[in-house]
Amino acid sequence: MTQHAVRVAAAEAGIDVARDVQVVGLHDCFSANELIVLDALGLAKPGKAHELVRAGDITYGGRYVVNPSGGLISKGHPLGATGIAQCAELVWHLRGWANNRAVKGTRAALQHNLGLGGAVVVTVYKRADGAEAPVADDKDVGRANGLGYNPAVEARGFTKEEVKKVRSRTASSDWALQDTQAKIEARF
């Protein structure tokens, strides 16, 4: 399933995954799964993913940086939230917001997610301008996003007023959001 999904995503994005991707958000629900998926995504020759690991080619200074956020296991593998966490991480890299773990020269990123063995999603993210991702200053990020800080490098609580600044004005549901803030704040 992963091989098919990555072929379709790469064709749609007009990229060669092995050549054009710098950052990978890979579904590492188990350590062994990472090796299997490296093969399936075409980042390693079949059966040779261990060679990428030994050569240091899946971390900073290597061919790819895989899971610069630490991956799903580092987050406790929050079922249901893993895909959006991967998406945010990769977008932050392309915007230059992930400045404390930036991957130099990022132009394209690849997300791989799966669920219960029966569904696979592979998404390619690219900068629209084709340029390399800049490394943004935290203060500039805070001004640009309206939050006053860089969420790629710092987690903070938030107020209702801050939520209103960033939520959609045209497609927002008060019913869906009725107790979301309280639930999130209860976890801090």
N, C-alpha and C. Protein backbone atom coordinates (compact mmCIF):
# COMPACT_ATOMS: atom_id res chain seq x y z
N MET A 1 0.82 -1.19 0.00
CA MET A 1 0.00 0.00 0.00
C MET A 1 0.86 1.26 0.00
N THR A 2 1.93 1.26 0.81
CA THR A 2 2.80 2.43 0.86
C THR A 2 3.46 2.67 -0.48
N GLN A 3 3.93 1.60 -1.14
CA GLN A 3 4.59 1.76 -2.43
C GLN A 3 3.66 2.40 -3.45
N HIS A 4 2.42 1.95 -3.49
CA HIS A 4 1.45 2.52 -4.42
C HIS A 4 1.18 3.99 -4.07
N ALA A 5 0.95 4.27 -2.80
CA ALA A 5 0.62 5.64 -2.37
C ALA A 5 1.76 6.60 -2.67
N VAL A 6 3.00 6.19 -2.46
CA VAL A 6 4.12 7.09 -2.72
C VAL A 6 4.30 7.31 -4.22
N ARG A 7 4.06 6.29 -5.03
CA ARG A 7 4.15 6.47 -6.49
C ARG A 7 3.14 7.50 -6.97
N VAL A 8 1.90 7.39 -6.48
CA VAL A 8 0.84 8.32 -6.88
C VAL A 8 1.17 9.74 -6.41
N ALA A 9 1.58 9.88 -5.15
CA ALA A 9 1.88 11.21 -4.60
C ALA A 9 3.06 11.85 -5.31
N ALA A 10 4.10 11.08 -5.58
CA ALA A 10 5.28 11.62 -6.26
C ALA A 10 4.94 12.04 -7.69
N ALA A 11 4.15 11.24 -8.38
CA ALA A 11 3.75 11.59 -9.75
C ALA A 11 2.92 12.87 -9.75
N GLU A 12 1.99 12.96 -8.82
CA GLU A 12 1.15 14.16 -8.74
C GLU A 12 1.98 15.41 -8.44
N ALA A 13 2.99 15.27 -7.58
CA ALA A 13 3.83 16.40 -7.20
C ALA A 13 4.94 16.67 -8.21
N GLY A 14 5.16 15.73 -9.12
CA GLY A 14 6.22 15.90 -10.12
C GLY A 14 7.62 15.81 -9.53
N ILE A 15 7.80 14.90 -8.59
CA ILE A 15 9.12 14.75 -7.97
C ILE A 15 9.59 13.31 -8.03
N ASP A 16 10.88 13.15 -7.83
CA ASP A 16 11.50 11.86 -7.59
C ASP A 16 11.81 11.85 -6.10
N VAL A 17 11.14 11.01 -5.35
CA VAL A 17 11.25 11.03 -3.89
C VAL A 17 12.70 10.91 -3.43
N ALA A 18 13.42 9.94 -3.96
CA ALA A 18 14.79 9.70 -3.51
C ALA A 18 15.71 10.89 -3.80
N ARG A 19 15.42 11.64 -4.85
CA ARG A 19 16.28 12.76 -5.25
C ARG A 19 15.83 14.10 -4.66
N ASP A 20 14.51 14.33 -4.59
CA ASP A 20 14.00 15.67 -4.32
C ASP A 20 13.55 15.97 -2.90
N VAL A 21 13.39 14.96 -2.08
CA VAL A 21 12.89 15.17 -0.72
C VAL A 21 14.06 15.34 0.25
N GLN A 22 13.92 16.31 1.16
CA GLN A 22 14.95 16.51 2.18
C GLN A 22 14.48 16.08 3.57
N VAL A 23 13.19 16.27 3.86
CA VAL A 23 12.65 15.98 5.19
C VAL A 23 11.51 14.98 5.05
N VAL A 24 11.48 14.00 5.96
CA VAL A 24 10.46 12.96 5.92
C VAL A 24 9.80 12.84 7.29
N GLY A 25 8.48 12.89 7.28
CA GLY A 25 7.70 12.57 8.48
C GLY A 25 7.16 11.17 8.27
N LEU A 26 7.77 10.21 8.90
CA LEU A 26 7.49 8.80 8.65
C LEU A 26 6.75 8.19 9.84
N HIS A 27 5.75 7.37 9.55
CA HIS A 27 4.95 6.73 10.59
C HIS A 27 5.78 5.65 11.28
N ASP A 28 6.36 6.02 12.41
CA ASP A 28 7.25 5.10 13.14
C ASP A 28 6.57 4.56 14.40
N CYS A 29 5.40 3.97 14.21
CA CYS A 29 4.65 3.44 15.36
C CYS A 29 5.46 2.39 16.12
N PHE A 30 6.35 1.72 15.44
CA PHE A 30 7.27 0.76 16.04
C PHE A 30 8.62 0.97 15.37
N SER A 31 9.70 0.71 16.07
CA SER A 31 11.03 0.94 15.50
C SER A 31 11.23 0.18 14.20
N ALA A 32 10.79 -1.07 14.15
CA ALA A 32 10.97 -1.88 12.94
C ALA A 32 10.19 -1.31 11.77
N ASN A 33 9.07 -0.66 12.06
CA ASN A 33 8.25 -0.10 10.99
C ASN A 33 9.01 0.96 10.21
N GLU A 34 9.88 1.71 10.88
CA GLU A 34 10.64 2.73 10.19
C GLU A 34 11.50 2.12 9.10
N LEU A 35 12.16 1.02 9.38
CA LEU A 35 13.00 0.37 8.37
C LEU A 35 12.17 -0.15 7.21
N ILE A 36 11.04 -0.74 7.51
CA ILE A 36 10.16 -1.27 6.46
C ILE A 36 9.67 -0.14 5.56
N VAL A 37 9.29 0.96 6.16
CA VAL A 37 8.73 2.08 5.40
C VAL A 37 9.81 2.80 4.59
N LEU A 38 11.03 2.89 5.10
CA LEU A 38 12.11 3.49 4.31
C LEU A 38 12.26 2.78 2.97
N ASP A 39 12.17 1.45 3.00
CA ASP A 39 12.20 0.66 1.76
C ASP A 39 10.99 0.98 0.89
N ALA A 40 9.81 0.91 1.48
CA ALA A 40 8.57 1.07 0.72
C ALA A 40 8.45 2.46 0.09
N LEU A 41 8.99 3.47 0.73
CA LEU A 41 8.94 4.83 0.18
C LEU A 41 9.95 5.04 -0.94
N GLY A 42 10.85 4.09 -1.11
CA GLY A 42 11.87 4.23 -2.16
C GLY A 42 13.08 5.03 -1.71
N LEU A 43 13.23 5.23 -0.41
CA LEU A 43 14.39 5.95 0.10
C LEU A 43 15.60 5.03 0.25
N ALA A 44 15.34 3.73 0.27
CA ALA A 44 16.41 2.73 0.35
C ALA A 44 16.08 1.61 -0.63
N LYS A 45 17.10 0.94 -1.10
CA LYS A 45 16.86 -0.24 -1.93
C LYS A 45 16.21 -1.30 -1.06
N PRO A 46 15.38 -2.15 -1.65
CA PRO A 46 14.70 -3.18 -0.86
C PRO A 46 15.68 -3.99 0.00
N GLY A 47 15.37 -4.06 1.28
CA GLY A 47 16.20 -4.81 2.21
C GLY A 47 17.45 -4.09 2.68
N LYS A 48 17.63 -2.83 2.27
CA LYS A 48 18.87 -2.11 2.58
C LYS A 48 18.67 -0.88 3.47
N ALA A 49 17.51 -0.73 4.09
CA ALA A 49 17.26 0.44 4.94
C ALA A 49 18.27 0.54 6.08
N HIS A 50 18.71 -0.60 6.58
CA HIS A 50 19.68 -0.59 7.67
C HIS A 50 20.98 0.11 7.26
N GLU A 51 21.29 0.08 5.97
CA GLU A 51 22.50 0.75 5.50
C GLU A 51 22.36 2.27 5.59
N LEU A 52 21.15 2.79 5.34
CA LEU A 52 20.90 4.22 5.52
C LEU A 52 21.15 4.62 6.98
N VAL A 53 20.67 3.78 7.88
CA VAL A 53 20.83 4.06 9.31
C VAL A 53 22.31 4.05 9.68
N ARG A 54 23.01 3.01 9.28
CA ARG A 54 24.44 2.88 9.63
C ARG A 54 25.28 4.01 9.04
N ALA A 55 24.91 4.48 7.87
CA ALA A 55 25.67 5.55 7.21
C ALA A 55 25.30 6.94 7.73
N GLY A 56 24.31 7.01 8.60
CA GLY A 56 23.86 8.31 9.10
C GLY A 56 23.07 9.10 8.08
N ASP A 57 22.47 8.39 7.12
CA ASP A 57 21.77 9.06 6.03
C ASP A 57 20.30 9.36 6.30
N ILE A 58 19.85 9.17 7.55
CA ILE A 58 18.47 9.55 7.87
C ILE A 58 18.42 10.57 9.00
N THR A 59 19.54 11.30 9.14
CA THR A 59 19.60 12.35 10.16
C THR A 59 20.37 13.54 9.59
N TYR A 60 20.55 14.54 10.39
CA TYR A 60 21.22 15.76 9.94
C TYR A 60 22.59 15.44 9.35
N GLY A 61 22.87 16.01 8.19
CA GLY A 61 24.11 15.75 7.49
C GLY A 61 24.05 14.57 6.54
N GLY A 62 22.96 13.82 6.58
CA GLY A 62 22.78 12.67 5.69
C GLY A 62 21.92 13.03 4.48
N ARG A 63 21.47 12.02 3.77
CA ARG A 63 20.66 12.24 2.56
C ARG A 63 19.29 12.81 2.89
N TYR A 64 18.69 12.35 3.97
CA TYR A 64 17.36 12.79 4.40
C TYR A 64 17.40 13.02 5.91
N VAL A 65 16.49 13.83 6.38
CA VAL A 65 16.27 13.91 7.83
C VAL A 65 14.89 13.32 8.06
N VAL A 66 14.87 12.18 8.74
CA VAL A 66 13.63 11.47 9.01
C VAL A 66 13.17 11.80 10.43
N ASN A 67 11.94 12.24 10.53
CA ASN A 67 11.32 12.56 11.83
C ASN A 67 12.15 13.52 12.68
N PRO A 68 12.39 14.73 12.17
CA PRO A 68 13.18 15.69 12.95
C PRO A 68 12.50 16.09 14.26
N SER A 69 11.21 15.86 14.38
CA SER A 69 10.50 16.17 15.63
C SER A 69 10.70 15.08 16.68
N GLY A 70 11.28 13.97 16.29
CA GLY A 70 11.42 12.83 17.18
C GLY A 70 10.48 11.70 16.81
N GLY A 71 9.55 11.98 15.90
CA GLY A 71 8.63 10.95 15.43
C GLY A 71 7.47 10.71 16.37
N LEU A 72 6.65 9.76 15.98
CA LEU A 72 5.42 9.47 16.72
C LEU A 72 5.71 8.94 18.12
N ILE A 73 6.70 8.09 18.23
CA ILE A 73 6.98 7.48 19.53
C ILE A 73 7.40 8.55 20.54
N SER A 74 8.13 9.58 20.08
CA SER A 74 8.55 10.63 21.01
C SER A 74 7.37 11.44 21.53
N LYS A 75 6.26 11.41 20.81
CA LYS A 75 5.06 12.14 21.22
C LYS A 75 4.08 11.25 21.97
N GLY A 76 4.43 10.01 22.18
CA GLY A 76 3.50 9.08 22.81
C GLY A 76 2.53 8.48 21.81
N HIS A 77 2.80 8.66 20.53
CA HIS A 77 1.96 8.16 19.44
C HIS A 77 0.48 8.43 19.70
N PRO A 78 0.09 9.69 19.71
CA PRO A 78 -1.31 10.04 20.00
C PRO A 78 -2.23 9.68 18.83
N LEU A 79 -2.88 8.56 18.94
CA LEU A 79 -3.76 8.10 17.86
C LEU A 79 -4.75 9.20 17.47
N GLY A 80 -4.90 9.39 16.19
CA GLY A 80 -5.81 10.40 15.69
C GLY A 80 -5.15 11.75 15.48
N ALA A 81 -4.07 12.02 16.20
CA ALA A 81 -3.41 13.31 16.07
C ALA A 81 -2.07 13.21 15.35
N THR A 82 -1.65 11.99 15.02
CA THR A 82 -0.32 11.82 14.44
C THR A 82 -0.20 12.48 13.07
N GLY A 83 -1.21 12.36 12.26
CA GLY A 83 -1.15 12.93 10.92
C GLY A 83 -1.04 14.44 10.93
N ILE A 84 -1.84 15.10 11.76
CA ILE A 84 -1.78 16.56 11.80
C ILE A 84 -0.48 17.03 12.43
N ALA A 85 0.07 16.27 13.38
CA ALA A 85 1.36 16.63 13.97
C ALA A 85 2.46 16.54 12.91
N GLN A 86 2.42 15.51 12.09
CA GLN A 86 3.41 15.38 11.00
C GLN A 86 3.25 16.53 10.01
N CYS A 87 2.03 16.83 9.65
CA CYS A 87 1.76 17.92 8.70
C CYS A 87 2.32 19.23 9.23
N ALA A 88 2.01 19.56 10.47
CA ALA A 88 2.50 20.81 11.06
C ALA A 88 4.03 20.85 11.04
N GLU A 89 4.67 19.76 11.43
CA GLU A 89 6.13 19.72 11.47
C GLU A 89 6.72 19.99 10.09
N LEU A 90 6.18 19.36 9.07
CA LEU A 90 6.75 19.52 7.73
C LEU A 90 6.49 20.92 7.18
N VAL A 91 5.32 21.47 7.43
CA VAL A 91 5.03 22.84 7.00
C VAL A 91 5.94 23.82 7.73
N TRP A 92 6.17 23.60 9.03
CA TRP A 92 7.09 24.47 9.77
C TRP A 92 8.48 24.45 9.15
N HIS A 93 8.92 23.28 8.68
CA HIS A 93 10.23 23.21 8.02
C HIS A 93 10.23 24.01 6.73
N LEU A 94 9.19 23.86 5.94
CA LEU A 94 9.14 24.58 4.66
C LEU A 94 9.02 26.09 4.85
N ARG A 95 8.40 26.52 5.92
CA ARG A 95 8.29 27.96 6.22
C ARG A 95 9.55 28.50 6.89
N GLY A 96 10.38 27.62 7.42
CA GLY A 96 11.57 28.05 8.14
C GLY A 96 11.33 28.28 9.62
N TRP A 97 10.17 27.91 10.10
CA TRP A 97 9.83 28.13 11.51
C TRP A 97 10.52 27.14 12.44
N ALA A 98 10.84 25.95 11.97
CA ALA A 98 11.48 24.93 12.81
C ALA A 98 12.96 25.25 12.94
N ASN A 99 13.24 26.48 13.35
CA ASN A 99 14.61 27.00 13.29
C ASN A 99 15.58 26.31 14.25
N ASN A 100 15.10 25.64 15.27
CA ASN A 100 16.01 24.93 16.17
C ASN A 100 16.34 23.52 15.69
N ARG A 101 15.73 23.11 14.59
CA ARG A 101 16.01 21.79 14.01
C ARG A 101 15.89 21.86 12.48
N ALA A 102 16.18 23.03 11.93
CA ALA A 102 16.02 23.27 10.50
C ALA A 102 16.90 22.32 9.68
N VAL A 103 16.36 21.92 8.56
CA VAL A 103 17.09 21.09 7.61
C VAL A 103 17.49 22.00 6.45
N LYS A 104 18.76 22.27 6.35
CA LYS A 104 19.26 23.20 5.34
C LYS A 104 18.87 22.74 3.94
N GLY A 105 18.38 23.68 3.15
CA GLY A 105 18.05 23.40 1.76
C GLY A 105 16.70 22.74 1.53
N THR A 106 15.82 22.77 2.52
CA THR A 106 14.53 22.11 2.36
C THR A 106 13.69 22.80 1.29
N ARG A 107 13.29 22.01 0.31
CA ARG A 107 12.38 22.44 -0.75
C ARG A 107 11.15 21.55 -0.81
N ALA A 108 11.33 20.29 -0.40
CA ALA A 108 10.23 19.32 -0.45
C ALA A 108 10.30 18.40 0.76
N ALA A 109 9.12 18.05 1.23
CA ALA A 109 9.02 17.16 2.39
C ALA A 109 7.98 16.08 2.08
N LEU A 110 8.13 14.95 2.71
CA LEU A 110 7.25 13.81 2.46
C LEU A 110 6.65 13.34 3.78
N GLN A 111 5.34 13.16 3.79
CA GLN A 111 4.65 12.64 4.96
C GLN A 111 4.10 11.26 4.65
N HIS A 112 4.32 10.32 5.58
CA HIS A 112 3.78 8.97 5.46
C HIS A 112 3.02 8.66 6.73
N ASN A 113 1.77 8.26 6.58
CA ASN A 113 0.95 7.91 7.74
C ASN A 113 0.15 6.68 7.39
N LEU A 114 -0.13 5.87 8.38
CA LEU A 114 -0.95 4.69 8.15
C LEU A 114 -1.85 4.46 9.35
N GLY A 115 -2.88 3.68 9.12
CA GLY A 115 -3.82 3.41 10.20
C GLY A 115 -4.29 1.98 10.21
N LEU A 116 -4.03 1.32 11.31
CA LEU A 116 -4.52 -0.03 11.55
C LEU A 116 -4.25 -1.00 10.42
N GLY A 117 -3.20 -0.76 9.66
CA GLY A 117 -2.80 -1.67 8.61
C GLY A 117 -3.65 -1.64 7.36
N GLY A 118 -4.72 -0.85 7.35
CA GLY A 118 -5.63 -0.87 6.21
C GLY A 118 -5.69 0.42 5.42
N ALA A 119 -4.98 1.44 5.85
CA ALA A 119 -5.02 2.72 5.15
C ALA A 119 -3.64 3.36 5.19
N VAL A 120 -3.22 3.91 4.08
CA VAL A 120 -1.94 4.60 3.99
C VAL A 120 -2.16 5.94 3.30
N VAL A 121 -1.53 6.96 3.83
CA VAL A 121 -1.57 8.28 3.21
C VAL A 121 -0.14 8.75 3.04
N VAL A 122 0.20 9.16 1.83
CA VAL A 122 1.50 9.76 1.55
C VAL A 122 1.23 11.12 0.92
N THR A 123 1.83 12.14 1.48
CA THR A 123 1.62 13.50 1.00
C THR A 123 2.97 14.15 0.75
N VAL A 124 3.08 14.87 -0.36
CA VAL A 124 4.28 15.63 -0.67
C VAL A 124 3.97 17.10 -0.43
N TYR A 125 4.84 17.76 0.32
CA TYR A 125 4.72 19.20 0.56
C TYR A 125 5.91 19.87 -0.13
N LYS A 126 5.62 20.94 -0.86
CA LYS A 126 6.69 21.68 -1.52
C LYS A 126 6.49 23.17 -1.30
N ARG A 127 7.57 23.91 -1.35
CA ARG A 127 7.45 25.36 -1.32
C ARG A 127 6.90 25.82 -2.66
N ALA A 128 5.92 26.68 -2.64
CA ALA A 128 5.30 27.16 -3.87
C ALA A 128 6.28 27.94 -4.73
N ASP A 129 7.24 28.61 -4.10
CA ASP A 129 8.20 29.41 -4.86
C ASP A 129 9.40 28.60 -5.33
N GLY A 130 9.48 27.33 -4.93
CA GLY A 130 10.60 26.48 -5.34
C GLY A 130 11.90 26.78 -4.65
N ALA A 131 11.91 27.80 -3.80
CA ALA A 131 13.14 28.20 -3.11
C ALA A 131 13.42 27.30 -1.92
N GLU A 132 14.63 27.40 -1.41
CA GLU A 132 14.97 26.69 -0.18
C GLU A 132 14.30 27.40 0.99
N ALA A 133 13.92 26.64 1.98
CA ALA A 133 13.28 27.22 3.16
C ALA A 133 14.25 28.16 3.87
N PRO A 134 13.76 29.32 4.27
CA PRO A 134 14.60 30.23 5.05
C PRO A 134 14.65 29.72 6.49
N VAL A 135 15.45 30.36 7.31
CA VAL A 135 15.40 30.09 8.74
C VAL A 135 14.88 31.37 9.37
N ALA A 136 13.65 31.32 9.86
CA ALA A 136 12.98 32.50 10.38
C ALA A 136 13.32 32.74 11.85
N ASP A 137 13.34 34.00 12.22
CA ASP A 137 13.53 34.40 13.61
C ASP A 137 12.22 34.21 14.37
N ASP A 138 12.30 33.76 15.62
CA ASP A 138 11.10 33.50 16.41
C ASP A 138 10.18 34.72 16.51
N LYS A 139 10.77 35.90 16.66
CA LYS A 139 9.94 37.11 16.77
C LYS A 139 9.20 37.38 15.48
N ASP A 140 9.85 37.17 14.35
CA ASP A 140 9.18 37.36 13.06
C ASP A 140 8.04 36.36 12.88
N VAL A 141 8.26 35.12 13.30
CA VAL A 141 7.22 34.10 13.22
C VAL A 141 6.03 34.50 14.08
N GLY A 142 6.30 34.95 15.29
CA GLY A 142 5.24 35.37 16.20
C GLY A 142 4.41 36.52 15.66
N ARG A 143 5.08 37.44 14.97
CA ARG A 143 4.34 38.55 14.34
C ARG A 143 3.52 38.05 13.16
N ALA A 144 4.09 37.15 12.38
CA ALA A 144 3.40 36.67 11.17
C ALA A 144 2.18 35.81 11.49
N ASN A 145 2.25 35.02 12.55
CA ASN A 145 1.13 34.12 12.84
C ASN A 145 0.09 34.70 13.78
N GLY A 146 0.36 35.87 14.33
CA GLY A 146 -0.60 36.51 15.22
C GLY A 146 -0.62 35.96 16.63
N LEU A 147 0.22 34.98 16.93
CA LEU A 147 0.25 34.39 18.27
C LEU A 147 1.25 35.07 19.19
N GLY A 148 2.24 35.72 18.59
CA GLY A 148 3.26 36.38 19.40
C GLY A 148 4.43 35.48 19.78
N TYR A 149 4.43 34.24 19.31
CA TYR A 149 5.53 33.32 19.56
C TYR A 149 5.58 32.30 18.43
N ASN A 150 6.63 31.49 18.43
CA ASN A 150 6.83 30.49 17.38
C ASN A 150 6.37 29.12 17.88
N PRO A 151 5.21 28.63 17.41
CA PRO A 151 4.71 27.34 17.88
C PRO A 151 5.55 26.14 17.44
N ALA A 152 6.47 26.35 16.51
CA ALA A 152 7.34 25.26 16.08
C ALA A 152 8.42 24.95 17.10
N VAL A 153 8.69 25.90 18.00
CA VAL A 153 9.76 25.69 18.97
C VAL A 153 9.30 25.88 20.42
N GLU A 154 8.05 26.27 20.62
CA GLU A 154 7.56 26.53 21.97
C GLU A 154 6.08 26.22 22.06
N ALA A 155 5.67 25.58 23.12
CA ALA A 155 4.25 25.31 23.36
C ALA A 155 3.77 26.20 24.49
N ARG A 156 2.65 26.84 24.27
CA ARG A 156 2.07 27.70 25.30
C ARG A 156 0.58 27.45 25.37
N GLY A 157 0.02 27.83 26.48
CA GLY A 157 -1.44 27.85 26.58
C GLY A 157 -1.96 29.01 25.74
N PHE A 158 -3.25 29.15 25.69
CA PHE A 158 -3.81 30.21 24.87
C PHE A 158 -5.12 30.70 25.48
N THR A 159 -5.49 31.89 25.07
CA THR A 159 -6.73 32.50 25.56
C THR A 159 -7.79 32.42 24.47
N LYS A 160 -9.03 32.68 24.85
CA LYS A 160 -10.11 32.71 23.86
C LYS A 160 -9.85 33.78 22.82
N GLU A 161 -9.28 34.89 23.24
CA GLU A 161 -8.98 35.97 22.30
C GLU A 161 -7.94 35.53 21.28
N GLU A 162 -6.96 34.76 21.70
CA GLU A 162 -5.95 34.26 20.77
C GLU A 162 -6.57 33.26 19.79
N VAL A 163 -7.47 32.44 20.27
CA VAL A 163 -8.16 31.49 19.39
C VAL A 163 -8.93 32.25 18.32
N LYS A 164 -9.60 33.30 18.69
CA LYS A 164 -10.39 34.09 17.74
C LYS A 164 -9.51 34.71 16.66
N LYS A 165 -8.26 35.02 16.99
CA LYS A 165 -7.35 35.62 16.01
C LYS A 165 -6.99 34.66 14.88
N VAL A 166 -6.93 33.36 15.18
CA VAL A 166 -6.42 32.42 14.19
C VAL A 166 -7.46 31.48 13.62
N ARG A 167 -8.65 31.45 14.17
CA ARG A 167 -9.66 30.52 13.65
C ARG A 167 -10.38 31.12 12.45
N SER A 168 -10.93 30.26 11.64
CA SER A 168 -11.62 30.68 10.43
C SER A 168 -12.83 31.55 10.77
N ARG A 169 -12.99 32.60 10.02
CA ARG A 169 -14.15 33.46 10.21
C ARG A 169 -15.33 33.00 9.36
N THR A 170 -15.06 32.16 8.37
CA THR A 170 -16.12 31.74 7.45
C THR A 170 -16.56 30.29 7.64
N ALA A 171 -15.71 29.47 8.21
CA ALA A 171 -16.04 28.04 8.31
C ALA A 171 -15.79 27.51 9.71
N SER A 172 -16.22 28.23 10.71
CA SER A 172 -15.99 27.83 12.09
C SER A 172 -17.29 27.38 12.73
N SER A 173 -17.21 26.40 13.59
CA SER A 173 -18.40 25.86 14.25
C SER A 173 -18.30 26.07 15.76
N ASP A 174 -19.13 26.96 16.30
CA ASP A 174 -19.13 27.18 17.74
C ASP A 174 -19.49 25.90 18.48
N TRP A 175 -20.40 25.10 17.92
CA TRP A 175 -20.79 23.85 18.55
C TRP A 175 -19.59 22.91 18.68
N ALA A 176 -18.81 22.78 17.63
CA ALA A 176 -17.65 21.88 17.65
C ALA A 176 -16.57 22.37 18.62
N LEU A 177 -16.52 23.66 18.82
CA LEU A 177 -15.47 24.25 19.65
C LEU A 177 -15.91 24.52 21.08
N GLN A 178 -17.11 24.14 21.45
CA GLN A 178 -17.68 24.58 22.72
C GLN A 178 -16.83 24.30 23.95
N ASP A 179 -16.21 23.16 24.07
CA ASP A 179 -15.39 22.90 25.26
C ASP A 179 -13.96 22.46 24.90
N THR A 180 -13.56 22.71 23.66
CA THR A 180 -12.23 22.31 23.21
C THR A 180 -11.13 22.98 24.02
N GLN A 181 -11.26 24.28 24.23
CA GLN A 181 -10.22 24.99 24.97
C GLN A 181 -10.05 24.42 26.37
N ALA A 182 -11.15 24.15 27.06
CA ALA A 182 -11.06 23.60 28.42
C ALA A 182 -10.36 22.23 28.41
N LYS A 183 -10.67 21.42 27.41
CA LYS A 183 -10.04 20.10 27.32
C LYS A 183 -8.54 20.22 27.11
N ILE A 184 -8.14 21.14 26.25
CA ILE A 184 -6.71 21.32 25.97
C ILE A 184 -6.01 21.90 27.19
N GLU A 185 -6.60 22.92 27.80
CA GLU A 185 -5.98 23.54 28.97
C GLU A 185 -5.85 22.55 30.12
N ALA A 186 -6.75 21.60 30.23
CA ALA A 186 -6.69 20.60 31.29
C ALA A 186 -5.45 19.72 31.17
N ARG A 187 -4.86 19.67 29.99
CA ARG A 187 -3.66 18.85 29.77
C ARG A 187 -2.37 19.57 30.11
N PHE A 188 -2.43 20.89 30.28
CA PHE A 188 -1.22 21.67 30.61
C PHE A 188 -0.90 21.56 32.07
